[in-house]
Amino acid sequence: MKKIAIIGAGNWGTALAATLAKTGHVVTLWGYEPEVVESVCAQHENVLFMPGVKLPASIAATNDLGEVLGQAEIVLTAMPSHVCGSLYEKMLSHLRPEMIFVSATKGIDTDRVMRMSEIIESVVGRRFAPRLCALSGPSFAQEVVRGDPTAVVLASRERAVAHLVQKEFSSRTFRIYTSTDVAGVEIGGAVKNIIAIAAGVIAGLGLGHNPTAALITRGLAEISRLACACGAKRETLAGLAGMGDLVLTCTGDLSRNRTVGVELGRGRKLPEIIGSMRMVAEGVKTTYATVALAERYGVEMPITAQVHRILEGQVTPREAIRELMERTLKDE
C-alpha cells in the first residue's frame, strides 16, 4: 500500500484515483476547481468532469499542493500539457528525492516543444534527479473507472522504478506493461491525438472505412518517424502506446480529439468547438508543438501538416484530403 498524490482532477486523474483507491492505496486528489474538491469530499463524485460516477469513499481531495504532497510516496500527474511546467514550479518546494513521479499526461509543451518527462526533469532537476515514469496506452477514462479490462504501458529509464510502479498500480482490471523507451511512449501517446483529429474529420465528412484505415496506417508511419528521430525504438510504436492508443483514439466515440475532428468535418470553426468543450482536447495544442518538433528534426509529417492547416483555417477538410491524395507517388 502506497500513499499516492494525484495532481489533476479531470477525467483521467479521477479515473486513476478511483482505480488506485480500489487496490487499497491511500489516494489524495488535487484539483484546481473548488467545486471538484468539494464534490469529491462531500459526495464522493466529481460533479464537473465525471458526473454520475460514484468514487471510492477513501479518496481524499484538496486544492492545497502542500497538503497533497506532504506524505506522498508516488506523485502521479494528469494535468493538461500546457500547465505541466507551471504546476511543477508550484510543486517544487514540496517535492522530495525519495518520491517516484508518474506522468500520465499525453501531450507536448507548445512553448518549449518538450515532452512531459523533459519538462519535469527540467524543473525538478534543479533540486534533485527525479525517479520518473511515463504512463500511456489505450485507456478511455470512463471505461477505466467502470472496471473494463485495460492494458497500458509504463516507461522509465530505470527498470527498477518501472517494475515497482507496475506492481503497485496493476490490478485485475488494469494491466501494466513496462518499457525503457520513454521517448517512444510519450511521442506515441501525444501525436496519436493529431491523427485522431484527422480521423474525426473523415467521419464528419461522412466518408467510409477505407480512408480511416489508410489514415491510421500512414499516421502510425509518421508518428514512428518522429519518435525514432527523437531517439525512440520503432518497435515501441507497434505496441500499446503507439498502434494501441492510435486505434482507440481514432475509432472510439469517447475520444475528445476525434470529436473535434468530427465537428471540423461538419463545418464548425475551431474556436466554437473548443469553447463548447469542458475538457481539454490535447491534440489541438500538440499539433502546433509537433509541427515545430518535426521541423527541428527534419521529419516529414504530411497528415500532421494538413491538420495544422485545417486548424489554422488555411484549407478546408476536403482540400486537405485532396492534397494528401495528390502528393507525389512513392514506395511504402
C-alpha atoms as a PDB file:
ATOM      1  CA  MET A   1       0.000   0.000   0.000  1.00  0.00           C
ATOM      2  CA  LYS A   2       1.397   3.383  -1.047  1.00  0.00           C
ATOM      3  CA  LYS A   3       0.465   6.986  -0.353  1.00  0.00           C
ATOM      4  CA  ILE A   4      -0.305   8.423  -3.780  1.00  0.00           C
ATOM      5  CA  ALA A   5      -0.838  12.055  -4.716  1.00  0.00           C
ATOM      6  CA  ILE A   6      -2.708  12.593  -7.989  1.00  0.00           C
ATOM      7  CA  ILE A   7      -2.253  16.071  -9.427  1.00  0.00           C
ATOM      8  CA  GLY A   8      -5.101  16.874 -11.782  1.00  0.00           C
ATOM      9  CA  ALA A   9      -8.741  16.035 -11.091  1.00  0.00           C
ATOM     10  CA  GLY A  10     -10.022  15.911 -14.641  1.00  0.00           C
ATOM     11  CA  ASN A  11     -11.441  12.819 -16.304  1.00  0.00           C
ATOM     12  CA  TRP A  12      -8.175  10.868 -16.397  1.00  0.00           C
ATOM     13  CA  GLY A  13      -6.876  11.866 -12.976  1.00  0.00           C
ATOM     14  CA  THR A  14     -10.219  10.944 -11.406  1.00  0.00           C
ATOM     15  CA  ALA A  15     -10.308   7.557 -13.143  1.00  0.00           C
ATOM     16  CA  LEU A  16      -6.777   6.764 -11.968  1.00  0.00           C
ATOM     17  CA  ALA A  17      -7.637   7.869  -8.439  1.00  0.00           C
ATOM     18  CA  ALA A  18     -10.622   5.508  -8.364  1.00  0.00           C
ATOM     19  CA  THR A  19      -8.625   2.604  -9.788  1.00  0.00           C
ATOM     20  CA  LEU A  20      -5.743   3.004  -7.348  1.00  0.00           C
ATOM     21  CA  ALA A  21      -8.018   3.543  -4.346  1.00  0.00           C
ATOM     22  CA  LYS A  22      -9.806   0.277  -5.139  1.00  0.00           C
ATOM     23  CA  THR A  23      -6.485  -1.573  -4.901  1.00  0.00           C
ATOM     24  CA  GLY A  24      -6.005  -0.311  -1.341  1.00  0.00           C
ATOM     25  CA  HIS A  25      -3.695   2.653  -1.802  1.00  0.00           C
ATOM     26  CA  VAL A  26      -4.117   5.872   0.154  1.00  0.00           C
ATOM     27  CA  VAL A  27      -5.077   8.312  -2.599  1.00  0.00           C
ATOM     28  CA  THR A  28      -5.341  12.083  -2.361  1.00  0.00           C
ATOM     29  CA  LEU A  29      -6.554  14.003  -5.397  1.00  0.00           C
ATOM     30  CA  TRP A  30      -5.514  17.587  -6.061  1.00  0.00           C
ATOM     31  CA  GLY A  31      -7.994  19.640  -8.078  1.00  0.00           C
ATOM     32  CA  TYR A  32      -7.831  23.190  -9.375  1.00  0.00           C
ATOM     33  CA  GLU A  33     -11.581  23.784  -9.297  1.00  0.00           C
ATOM     34  CA  PRO A  34     -13.067  24.238  -5.773  1.00  0.00           C
ATOM     35  CA  GLU A  35     -16.342  22.586  -6.825  1.00  0.00           C
ATOM     36  CA  VAL A  36     -14.460  19.430  -7.817  1.00  0.00           C
ATOM     37  CA  VAL A  37     -12.709  19.196  -4.454  1.00  0.00           C
ATOM     38  CA  GLU A  38     -15.942  19.872  -2.578  1.00  0.00           C
ATOM     39  CA  SER A  39     -17.954  17.295  -4.518  1.00  0.00           C
ATOM     40  CA  VAL A  40     -15.314  14.563  -4.165  1.00  0.00           C
ATOM     41  CA  CYS A  41     -15.101  15.133  -0.408  1.00  0.00           C
ATOM     42  CA  ALA A  42     -18.813  15.574   0.264  1.00  0.00           C
ATOM     43  CA  GLN A  43     -20.492  13.415  -2.384  1.00  0.00           C
ATOM     44  CA  HIS A  44     -17.705  11.043  -3.495  1.00  0.00           C
ATOM     45  CA  GLU A  45     -18.305  12.255  -7.043  1.00  0.00           C
ATOM     46  CA  ASN A  46     -16.501  14.564  -9.458  1.00  0.00           C
ATOM     47  CA  VAL A  47     -19.516  16.626 -10.488  1.00  0.00           C
ATOM     48  CA  LEU A  48     -17.621  18.673 -13.066  1.00  0.00           C
ATOM     49  CA  PHE A  49     -15.644  16.069 -15.006  1.00  0.00           C
ATOM     50  CA  MET A  50     -17.185  12.694 -14.178  1.00  0.00           C
ATOM     51  CA  PRO A  51     -20.770  13.302 -13.041  1.00  0.00           C
ATOM     52  CA  GLY A  52     -22.837  10.308 -12.038  1.00  0.00           C
ATOM     53  CA  VAL A  53     -19.844   8.096 -11.214  1.00  0.00           C
ATOM     54  CA  LYS A  54     -19.601   7.107  -7.550  1.00  0.00           C
ATOM     55  CA  LEU A  55     -15.983   7.208  -6.359  1.00  0.00           C
ATOM     56  CA  PRO A  56     -14.459   5.203  -3.501  1.00  0.00           C
ATOM     57  CA  ALA A  57     -15.132   6.957  -0.210  1.00  0.00           C
ATOM     58  CA  SER A  58     -11.468   6.582   0.740  1.00  0.00           C
ATOM     59  CA  ILE A  59     -10.343   9.170  -1.849  1.00  0.00           C
ATOM     60  CA  ALA A  60      -9.438  12.492  -0.243  1.00  0.00           C
ATOM     61  CA  ALA A  61      -9.368  15.723  -2.248  1.00  0.00           C
ATOM     62  CA  THR A  62      -7.763  19.116  -1.737  1.00  0.00           C
ATOM     63  CA  ASN A  63      -6.675  22.203  -3.637  1.00  0.00           C
ATOM     64  CA  ASP A  64      -3.621  22.639  -1.383  1.00  0.00           C
ATOM     65  CA  LEU A  65      -0.429  21.340  -3.038  1.00  0.00           C
ATOM     66  CA  GLY A  66       1.438  21.183   0.263  1.00  0.00           C
ATOM     67  CA  GLU A  67      -1.279  19.016   1.748  1.00  0.00           C
ATOM     68  CA  VAL A  68      -1.495  16.574  -1.149  1.00  0.00           C
ATOM     69  CA  LEU A  69       2.288  16.209  -1.459  1.00  0.00           C
ATOM     70  CA  GLY A  70       3.161  16.182   2.240  1.00  0.00           C
ATOM     71  CA  GLN A  71       3.268  12.415   2.800  1.00  0.00           C
ATOM     72  CA  ALA A  72       3.154  11.204  -0.801  1.00  0.00           C
ATOM     73  CA  GLU A  73       5.411   8.381  -1.929  1.00  0.00           C
ATOM     74  CA  ILE A  74       4.229   8.395  -5.546  1.00  0.00           C
ATOM     75  CA  VAL A  75       3.220  11.584  -7.378  1.00  0.00           C
ATOM     76  CA  LEU A  76       1.035  10.913 -10.411  1.00  0.00           C
ATOM     77  CA  THR A  77       0.420  13.936 -12.608  1.00  0.00           C
ATOM     78  CA  ALA A  78      -2.535  14.106 -15.013  1.00  0.00           C
ATOM     79  CA  MET A  79      -2.778  17.812 -15.763  1.00  0.00           C
ATOM     80  CA  PRO A  80      -3.146  19.349 -19.250  1.00  0.00           C
ATOM     81  CA  SER A  81       0.226  19.521 -21.003  1.00  0.00           C
ATOM     82  CA  HIS A  82       0.271  23.317 -21.238  1.00  0.00           C
ATOM     83  CA  VAL A  83       0.235  23.731 -17.432  1.00  0.00           C
ATOM     84  CA  CYS A  84       2.707  20.960 -16.590  1.00  0.00           C
ATOM     85  CA  GLY A  85       5.718  23.263 -16.264  1.00  0.00           C
ATOM     86  CA  SER A  86       3.994  25.964 -14.227  1.00  0.00           C
ATOM     87  CA  LEU A  87       2.359  23.447 -11.909  1.00  0.00           C
ATOM     88  CA  TYR A  88       5.641  21.654 -11.243  1.00  0.00           C
ATOM     89  CA  GLU A  89       7.189  25.042 -10.421  1.00  0.00           C
ATOM     90  CA  LYS A  90       4.498  25.486  -7.759  1.00  0.00           C
ATOM     91  CA  MET A  91       5.044  21.940  -6.504  1.00  0.00           C
ATOM     92  CA  LEU A  92       8.830  22.125  -6.424  1.00  0.00           C
ATOM     93  CA  SER A  93       9.353  23.165  -2.790  1.00  0.00           C
ATOM     94  CA  HIS A  94       7.172  20.237  -1.624  1.00  0.00           C
ATOM     95  CA  LEU A  95       8.964  17.531  -3.617  1.00  0.00           C
ATOM     96  CA  ARG A  96      11.460  15.051  -2.179  1.00  0.00           C
ATOM     97  CA  PRO A  97      14.135  12.822  -3.787  1.00  0.00           C
ATOM     98  CA  GLU A  98      12.547   9.628  -2.467  1.00  0.00           C
ATOM     99  CA  MET A  99       9.322  10.285  -4.387  1.00  0.00           C
ATOM    100  CA  ILE A 100       8.517   8.490  -7.624  1.00  0.00           C
ATOM    101  CA  PHE A 101       6.942  10.626 -10.341  1.00  0.00           C
ATOM    102  CA  VAL A 102       4.492   9.182 -12.871  1.00  0.00           C
ATOM    103  CA  SER A 103       3.426  11.381 -15.779  1.00  0.00           C
ATOM    104  CA  ALA A 104       0.055  10.388 -17.253  1.00  0.00           C
ATOM    105  CA  THR A 105      -0.291  13.464 -19.484  1.00  0.00           C
ATOM    106  CA  LYS A 106      -0.378  12.805 -23.241  1.00  0.00           C
ATOM    107  CA  GLY A 107       0.910  15.956 -24.855  1.00  0.00           C
ATOM    108  CA  ILE A 108       3.892  18.077 -25.887  1.00  0.00           C
ATOM    109  CA  ASP A 109       4.579  21.501 -24.399  1.00  0.00           C
ATOM    110  CA  THR A 110       3.875  24.050 -27.130  1.00  0.00           C
ATOM    111  CA  ASP A 111       6.065  26.877 -25.840  1.00  0.00           C
ATOM    112  CA  ARG A 112       9.202  24.828 -25.186  1.00  0.00           C
ATOM    113  CA  VAL A 113       8.466  21.961 -27.616  1.00  0.00           C
ATOM    114  CA  MET A 114       9.321  19.411 -24.932  1.00  0.00           C
ATOM    115  CA  ARG A 115       7.834  16.102 -23.822  1.00  0.00           C
ATOM    116  CA  MET A 116       6.332  15.917 -20.338  1.00  0.00           C
ATOM    117  CA  SER A 117       9.248  13.959 -18.875  1.00  0.00           C
ATOM    118  CA  GLU A 118      11.628  16.597 -20.236  1.00  0.00           C
ATOM    119  CA  ILE A 119       9.565  19.359 -18.632  1.00  0.00           C
ATOM    120  CA  ILE A 120       9.501  17.540 -15.294  1.00  0.00           C
ATOM    121  CA  GLU A 121      13.233  16.850 -15.375  1.00  0.00           C
ATOM    122  CA  SER A 122      13.991  20.467 -16.273  1.00  0.00           C
ATOM    123  CA  VAL A 123      12.078  21.741 -13.233  1.00  0.00           C
ATOM    124  CA  VAL A 124      12.654  19.067 -10.588  1.00  0.00           C
ATOM    125  CA  GLY A 125      16.249  18.600 -11.743  1.00  0.00           C
ATOM    126  CA  ARG A 126      17.127  21.949 -10.218  1.00  0.00           C
ATOM    127  CA  ARG A 127      16.788  20.272  -6.807  1.00  0.00           C
ATOM    128  CA  PHE A 128      17.406  16.578  -7.486  1.00  0.00           C
ATOM    129  CA  ALA A 129      17.277  13.991 -10.269  1.00  0.00           C
ATOM    130  CA  PRO A 130      13.688  12.683 -10.264  1.00  0.00           C
ATOM    131  CA  ARG A 131      12.805   8.994 -10.467  1.00  0.00           C
ATOM    132  CA  LEU A 132      10.381   9.282 -13.335  1.00  0.00           C
ATOM    133  CA  CYS A 133       7.931   7.172 -15.380  1.00  0.00           C
ATOM    134  CA  ALA A 134       5.595   7.922 -18.284  1.00  0.00           C
ATOM    135  CA  LEU A 135       2.209   6.167 -18.400  1.00  0.00           C
ATOM    136  CA  SER A 136       0.385   5.809 -21.714  1.00  0.00           C
ATOM    137  CA  GLY A 137      -1.667   3.435 -23.825  1.00  0.00           C
ATOM    138  CA  PRO A 138      -5.267   2.850 -24.954  1.00  0.00           C
ATOM    139  CA  SER A 139      -7.368   3.941 -21.997  1.00  0.00           C
ATOM    140  CA  PHE A 140     -10.597   5.901 -22.060  1.00  0.00           C
ATOM    141  CA  ALA A 141     -11.154   7.216 -18.541  1.00  0.00           C
ATOM    142  CA  GLN A 142     -14.833   6.269 -18.467  1.00  0.00           C
ATOM    143  CA  GLU A 143     -14.014   2.627 -19.230  1.00  0.00           C
ATOM    144  CA  VAL A 144     -11.156   2.501 -16.721  1.00  0.00           C
ATOM    145  CA  VAL A 145     -13.318   3.817 -13.876  1.00  0.00           C
ATOM    146  CA  ARG A 146     -16.053   1.342 -14.871  1.00  0.00           C
ATOM    147  CA  GLY A 147     -13.599  -1.511 -14.434  1.00  0.00           C
ATOM    148  CA  ASP A 148     -13.346  -2.580 -18.090  1.00  0.00           C
ATOM    149  CA  PRO A 149     -10.153  -4.599 -18.693  1.00  0.00           C
ATOM    150  CA  THR A 150      -7.444  -2.150 -19.769  1.00  0.00           C
ATOM    151  CA  ALA A 151      -3.773  -2.614 -20.714  1.00  0.00           C
ATOM    152  CA  VAL A 152      -1.295   0.278 -20.684  1.00  0.00           C
ATOM    153  CA  VAL A 153       2.470   0.757 -20.750  1.00  0.00           C
ATOM    154  CA  LEU A 154       4.763   2.417 -18.218  1.00  0.00           C
ATOM    155  CA  ALA A 155       8.165   3.642 -19.380  1.00  0.00           C
ATOM    156  CA  SER A 156      11.179   4.575 -17.288  1.00  0.00           C
ATOM    157  CA  ARG A 157      14.895   4.633 -17.917  1.00  0.00           C
ATOM    158  CA  GLU A 158      15.232   2.905 -14.529  1.00  0.00           C
ATOM    159  CA  ARG A 159      13.817  -0.618 -14.792  1.00  0.00           C
ATOM    160  CA  ALA A 160      13.542  -0.996 -11.023  1.00  0.00           C
ATOM    161  CA  VAL A 161      11.356   2.106 -10.781  1.00  0.00           C
ATOM    162  CA  ALA A 162       9.076   0.926 -13.572  1.00  0.00           C
ATOM    163  CA  HIS A 163       8.724  -2.518 -12.006  1.00  0.00           C
ATOM    164  CA  LEU A 164       7.879  -1.019  -8.596  1.00  0.00           C
ATOM    165  CA  VAL A 165       5.107   1.172 -10.059  1.00  0.00           C
ATOM    166  CA  GLN A 166       3.911  -1.718 -12.250  1.00  0.00           C
ATOM    167  CA  LYS A 167       3.460  -3.875  -9.162  1.00  0.00           C
ATOM    168  CA  GLU A 168       1.677  -1.150  -7.184  1.00  0.00           C
ATOM    169  CA  PHE A 169      -0.651   0.062  -9.954  1.00  0.00           C
ATOM    170  CA  SER A 170      -1.660  -3.215 -11.606  1.00  0.00           C
ATOM    171  CA  SER A 171      -4.944  -4.884 -10.702  1.00  0.00           C
ATOM    172  CA  ARG A 172      -7.418  -7.431 -12.072  1.00  0.00           C
ATOM    173  CA  THR A 173      -8.777  -4.815 -14.485  1.00  0.00           C
ATOM    174  CA  PHE A 174      -5.722  -2.578 -15.045  1.00  0.00           C
ATOM    175  CA  ARG A 175      -2.733  -4.383 -16.544  1.00  0.00           C
ATOM    176  CA  ILE A 176       0.591  -2.556 -16.898  1.00  0.00           C
ATOM    177  CA  TYR A 177       3.482  -3.495 -19.176  1.00  0.00           C
ATOM    178  CA  THR A 178       6.891  -1.847 -18.726  1.00  0.00           C
ATOM    179  CA  SER A 179       9.333  -0.274 -21.156  1.00  0.00           C
ATOM    180  CA  THR A 180      12.584   1.658 -21.062  1.00  0.00           C
ATOM    181  CA  ASP A 181      11.616   3.747 -24.114  1.00  0.00           C
ATOM    182  CA  VAL A 182      10.309   6.943 -22.526  1.00  0.00           C
ATOM    183  CA  ALA A 183      10.550   8.955 -25.745  1.00  0.00           C
ATOM    184  CA  GLY A 184       8.637   6.369 -27.771  1.00  0.00           C
ATOM    185  CA  VAL A 185       5.853   6.028 -25.210  1.00  0.00           C
ATOM    186  CA  GLU A 186       5.449   9.797 -24.854  1.00  0.00           C
ATOM    187  CA  ILE A 187       5.597  10.614 -28.574  1.00  0.00           C
ATOM    188  CA  GLY A 188       3.124   7.834 -29.376  1.00  0.00           C
ATOM    189  CA  GLY A 189       0.701   8.955 -26.679  1.00  0.00           C
ATOM    190  CA  ALA A 190       0.855  12.601 -27.712  1.00  0.00           C
ATOM    191  CA  VAL A 191       0.938  12.563 -31.519  1.00  0.00           C
ATOM    192  CA  LYS A 192      -1.835   9.982 -31.933  1.00  0.00           C
ATOM    193  CA  ASN A 193      -4.194  12.748 -30.828  1.00  0.00           C
ATOM    194  CA  ILE A 194      -3.409  14.653 -34.029  1.00  0.00           C
ATOM    195  CA  ILE A 195      -4.230  11.632 -36.165  1.00  0.00           C
ATOM    196  CA  ALA A 196      -7.455  11.256 -34.159  1.00  0.00           C
ATOM    197  CA  ILE A 197      -8.487  14.772 -35.169  1.00  0.00           C
ATOM    198  CA  ALA A 198      -7.938  13.732 -38.790  1.00  0.00           C
ATOM    199  CA  ALA A 199      -9.989  10.562 -38.232  1.00  0.00           C
ATOM    200  CA  GLY A 200     -12.791  12.687 -36.859  1.00  0.00           C
ATOM    201  CA  VAL A 201     -12.642  14.912 -39.927  1.00  0.00           C
ATOM    202  CA  ILE A 202     -13.175  11.831 -42.113  1.00  0.00           C
ATOM    203  CA  ALA A 203     -16.208  10.845 -40.035  1.00  0.00           C
ATOM    204  CA  GLY A 204     -17.562  14.390 -40.054  1.00  0.00           C
ATOM    205  CA  LEU A 205     -17.375  14.450 -43.837  1.00  0.00           C
ATOM    206  CA  GLY A 206     -19.373  11.225 -43.981  1.00  0.00           C
ATOM    207  CA  LEU A 207     -16.586   9.214 -45.583  1.00  0.00           C
ATOM    208  CA  GLY A 208     -16.190   5.466 -45.068  1.00  0.00           C
ATOM    209  CA  HIS A 209     -13.799   2.901 -43.629  1.00  0.00           C
ATOM    210  CA  ASN A 210     -11.236   2.987 -46.466  1.00  0.00           C
ATOM    211  CA  PRO A 211      -9.859   6.459 -45.669  1.00  0.00           C
ATOM    212  CA  THR A 212      -9.886   5.755 -41.938  1.00  0.00           C
ATOM    213  CA  ALA A 213      -7.812   2.595 -42.357  1.00  0.00           C
ATOM    214  CA  ALA A 214      -5.374   4.421 -44.618  1.00  0.00           C
ATOM    215  CA  LEU A 215      -5.150   7.312 -42.177  1.00  0.00           C
ATOM    216  CA  ILE A 216      -4.387   5.105 -39.171  1.00  0.00           C
ATOM    217  CA  THR A 217      -1.720   3.192 -41.096  1.00  0.00           C
ATOM    218  CA  ARG A 218       0.002   6.222 -42.584  1.00  0.00           C
ATOM    219  CA  GLY A 219      -0.472   8.124 -39.338  1.00  0.00           C
ATOM    220  CA  LEU A 220       1.448   5.440 -37.497  1.00  0.00           C
ATOM    221  CA  ALA A 221       4.216   5.707 -40.103  1.00  0.00           C
ATOM    222  CA  GLU A 222       4.744   9.402 -39.469  1.00  0.00           C
ATOM    223  CA  ILE A 223       4.448   9.050 -35.687  1.00  0.00           C
ATOM    224  CA  SER A 224       7.150   6.366 -35.885  1.00  0.00           C
ATOM    225  CA  ARG A 225       9.421   8.588 -37.995  1.00  0.00           C
ATOM    226  CA  LEU A 226       9.214  11.407 -35.481  1.00  0.00           C
ATOM    227  CA  ALA A 227       9.637   9.128 -32.477  1.00  0.00           C
ATOM    228  CA  CYS A 228      12.740   7.491 -33.966  1.00  0.00           C
ATOM    229  CA  ALA A 229      14.199  10.913 -34.728  1.00  0.00           C
ATOM    230  CA  CYS A 230      13.728  11.713 -31.018  1.00  0.00           C
ATOM    231  CA  GLY A 231      15.672   8.573 -30.052  1.00  0.00           C
ATOM    232  CA  ALA A 232      12.792   6.113 -29.644  1.00  0.00           C
ATOM    233  CA  LYS A 233      12.683   2.466 -30.685  1.00  0.00           C
ATOM    234  CA  ARG A 234      10.486   1.739 -33.691  1.00  0.00           C
ATOM    235  CA  GLU A 235       9.004  -1.369 -32.061  1.00  0.00           C
ATOM    236  CA  THR A 236       7.547   0.759 -29.249  1.00  0.00           C
ATOM    237  CA  LEU A 237       5.181   2.341 -31.764  1.00  0.00           C
ATOM    238  CA  ALA A 238       3.832  -1.103 -32.697  1.00  0.00           C
ATOM    239  CA  GLY A 239       2.757  -1.543 -29.071  1.00  0.00           C
ATOM    240  CA  LEU A 240       0.203  -0.128 -26.670  1.00  0.00           C
ATOM    241  CA  ALA A 241       1.444   3.474 -26.686  1.00  0.00           C
ATOM    242  CA  GLY A 242       1.602   3.519 -30.484  1.00  0.00           C
ATOM    243  CA  MET A 243      -0.766   1.373 -32.502  1.00  0.00           C
ATOM    244  CA  GLY A 244      -2.934   0.513 -29.490  1.00  0.00           C
ATOM    245  CA  ASP A 245      -3.687   4.071 -28.455  1.00  0.00           C
ATOM    246  CA  LEU A 246      -3.895   5.238 -32.071  1.00  0.00           C
ATOM    247  CA  VAL A 247      -6.617   2.725 -32.973  1.00  0.00           C
ATOM    248  CA  LEU A 248      -8.613   3.534 -29.837  1.00  0.00           C
ATOM    249  CA  THR A 249      -8.461   7.289 -30.259  1.00  0.00           C
ATOM    250  CA  CYS A 250      -9.179   7.242 -33.989  1.00  0.00           C
ATOM    251  CA  THR A 251     -12.194   4.943 -33.755  1.00  0.00           C
ATOM    252  CA  GLY A 252     -13.733   5.453 -30.309  1.00  0.00           C
ATOM    253  CA  ASP A 253     -16.639   7.838 -29.802  1.00  0.00           C
ATOM    254  CA  LEU A 254     -15.267   8.768 -26.350  1.00  0.00           C
ATOM    255  CA  SER A 255     -12.223  10.441 -27.933  1.00  0.00           C
ATOM    256  CA  ARG A 256     -12.291  14.212 -27.409  1.00  0.00           C
ATOM    257  CA  ASN A 257      -9.768  14.727 -30.210  1.00  0.00           C
ATOM    258  CA  ARG A 258     -11.804  12.692 -32.666  1.00  0.00           C
ATOM    259  CA  THR A 259     -14.848  14.745 -31.622  1.00  0.00           C
ATOM    260  CA  VAL A 260     -13.008  17.956 -32.520  1.00  0.00           C
ATOM    261  CA  GLY A 261     -12.277  16.485 -35.949  1.00  0.00           C
ATOM    262  CA  VAL A 262     -15.872  15.400 -36.474  1.00  0.00           C
ATOM    263  CA  GLU A 263     -17.090  18.932 -35.839  1.00  0.00           C
ATOM    264  CA  LEU A 264     -14.417  20.403 -38.114  1.00  0.00           C
ATOM    265  CA  GLY A 265     -15.530  17.983 -40.843  1.00  0.00           C
ATOM    266  CA  ARG A 266     -19.112  19.183 -40.372  1.00  0.00           C
ATOM    267  CA  GLY A 267     -18.025  22.769 -40.969  1.00  0.00           C
ATOM    268  CA  ARG A 268     -17.842  24.220 -37.462  1.00  0.00           C
ATOM    269  CA  LYS A 269     -14.997  26.598 -36.601  1.00  0.00           C
ATOM    270  CA  LEU A 270     -12.308  25.624 -34.097  1.00  0.00           C
ATOM    271  CA  PRO A 271     -12.915  28.402 -31.514  1.00  0.00           C
ATOM    272  CA  GLU A 272     -16.596  27.468 -31.385  1.00  0.00           C
ATOM    273  CA  ILE A 273     -15.776  23.780 -30.939  1.00  0.00           C
ATOM    274  CA  ILE A 274     -13.199  24.363 -28.204  1.00  0.00           C
ATOM    275  CA  GLY A 275     -15.466  26.845 -26.443  1.00  0.00           C
ATOM    276  CA  SER A 276     -18.191  24.231 -26.133  1.00  0.00           C
ATOM    277  CA  MET A 277     -15.884  21.621 -24.511  1.00  0.00           C
ATOM    278  CA  ARG A 278     -15.219  21.495 -20.788  1.00  0.00           C
ATOM    279  CA  MET A 279     -12.331  19.042 -21.058  1.00  0.00           C
ATOM    280  CA  VAL A 280      -9.082  19.591 -22.955  1.00  0.00           C
ATOM    281  CA  ALA A 281      -8.544  18.069 -26.401  1.00  0.00           C
ATOM    282  CA  GLU A 282      -4.751  17.723 -26.227  1.00  0.00           C
ATOM    283  CA  GLY A 283      -4.387  17.162 -29.963  1.00  0.00           C
ATOM    284  CA  VAL A 284      -5.041  20.809 -30.821  1.00  0.00           C
ATOM    285  CA  LYS A 285      -2.080  22.247 -28.919  1.00  0.00           C
ATOM    286  CA  THR A 286       0.012  19.152 -29.653  1.00  0.00           C
ATOM    287  CA  THR A 287      -0.415  19.763 -33.390  1.00  0.00           C
ATOM    288  CA  TYR A 288       1.444  23.056 -33.134  1.00  0.00           C
ATOM    289  CA  ALA A 289       4.198  21.548 -30.961  1.00  0.00           C
ATOM    290  CA  THR A 290       4.578  18.542 -33.249  1.00  0.00           C
ATOM    291  CA  VAL A 291       4.938  20.697 -36.365  1.00  0.00           C
ATOM    292  CA  ALA A 292       7.766  22.530 -34.592  1.00  0.00           C
ATOM    293  CA  LEU A 293       9.351  19.263 -33.430  1.00  0.00           C
ATOM    294  CA  ALA A 294       9.163  17.793 -36.936  1.00  0.00           C
ATOM    295  CA  GLU A 295      10.858  20.889 -38.330  1.00  0.00           C
ATOM    296  CA  ARG A 296      13.587  20.623 -35.686  1.00  0.00           C
ATOM    297  CA  TYR A 297      14.421  17.060 -36.741  1.00  0.00           C
ATOM    298  CA  GLY A 298      13.654  17.410 -40.441  1.00  0.00           C
ATOM    299  CA  VAL A 299      10.890  14.790 -40.335  1.00  0.00           C
ATOM    300  CA  GLU A 300       8.174  14.706 -42.986  1.00  0.00           C
ATOM    301  CA  MET A 301       4.688  14.534 -41.422  1.00  0.00           C
ATOM    302  CA  PRO A 302       2.111  15.251 -44.149  1.00  0.00           C
ATOM    303  CA  ILE A 303      -1.002  14.319 -42.151  1.00  0.00           C
ATOM    304  CA  THR A 304       0.081  16.435 -39.203  1.00  0.00           C
ATOM    305  CA  ALA A 305       0.867  19.311 -41.555  1.00  0.00           C
ATOM    306  CA  GLN A 306      -2.623  19.174 -43.065  1.00  0.00           C
ATOM    307  CA  VAL A 307      -4.312  19.003 -39.647  1.00  0.00           C
ATOM    308  CA  HIS A 308      -2.307  22.090 -38.712  1.00  0.00           C
ATOM    309  CA  ARG A 309      -3.530  23.885 -41.855  1.00  0.00           C
ATOM    310  CA  ILE A 310      -7.145  22.913 -41.088  1.00  0.00           C
ATOM    311  CA  LEU A 311      -6.824  24.221 -37.507  1.00  0.00           C
ATOM    312  CA  GLU A 312      -5.365  27.462 -38.863  1.00  0.00           C
ATOM    313  CA  GLY A 313      -8.216  27.813 -41.356  1.00  0.00           C
ATOM    314  CA  GLN A 314      -5.820  27.715 -44.295  1.00  0.00           C
ATOM    315  CA  VAL A 315      -7.617  24.829 -46.027  1.00  0.00           C
ATOM    316  CA  THR A 316     -10.978  23.126 -45.761  1.00  0.00           C
ATOM    317  CA  PRO A 317     -11.071  19.470 -44.693  1.00  0.00           C
ATOM    318  CA  ARG A 318     -11.869  18.356 -48.252  1.00  0.00           C
ATOM    319  CA  GLU A 319      -8.993  20.408 -49.657  1.00  0.00           C
ATOM    320  CA  ALA A 320      -6.624  18.847 -47.109  1.00  0.00           C
ATOM    321  CA  ILE A 321      -7.672  15.326 -48.100  1.00  0.00           C
ATOM    322  CA  ARG A 322      -7.284  16.132 -51.778  1.00  0.00           C
ATOM    323  CA  GLU A 323      -3.771  17.470 -51.228  1.00  0.00           C
ATOM    324  CA  LEU A 324      -2.796  14.341 -49.303  1.00  0.00           C
ATOM    325  CA  MET A 325      -4.144  12.092 -52.058  1.00  0.00           C
ATOM    326  CA  GLU A 326      -2.355  14.064 -54.792  1.00  0.00           C
ATOM    327  CA  ARG A 327       1.094  14.001 -53.193  1.00  0.00           C
ATOM    328  CA  THR A 328       3.971  12.569 -55.243  1.00  0.00           C
ATOM    329  CA  LEU A 329       3.635   8.795 -55.590  1.00  0.00           C
ATOM    330  CA  LYS A 330       6.233   6.709 -53.731  1.00  0.00           C
ATOM    331  CA  ASP A 331       7.074   3.293 -52.307  1.00  0.00           C
ATOM    332  CA  GLU A 332       5.533   2.307 -48.988  1.00  0.00           C
END
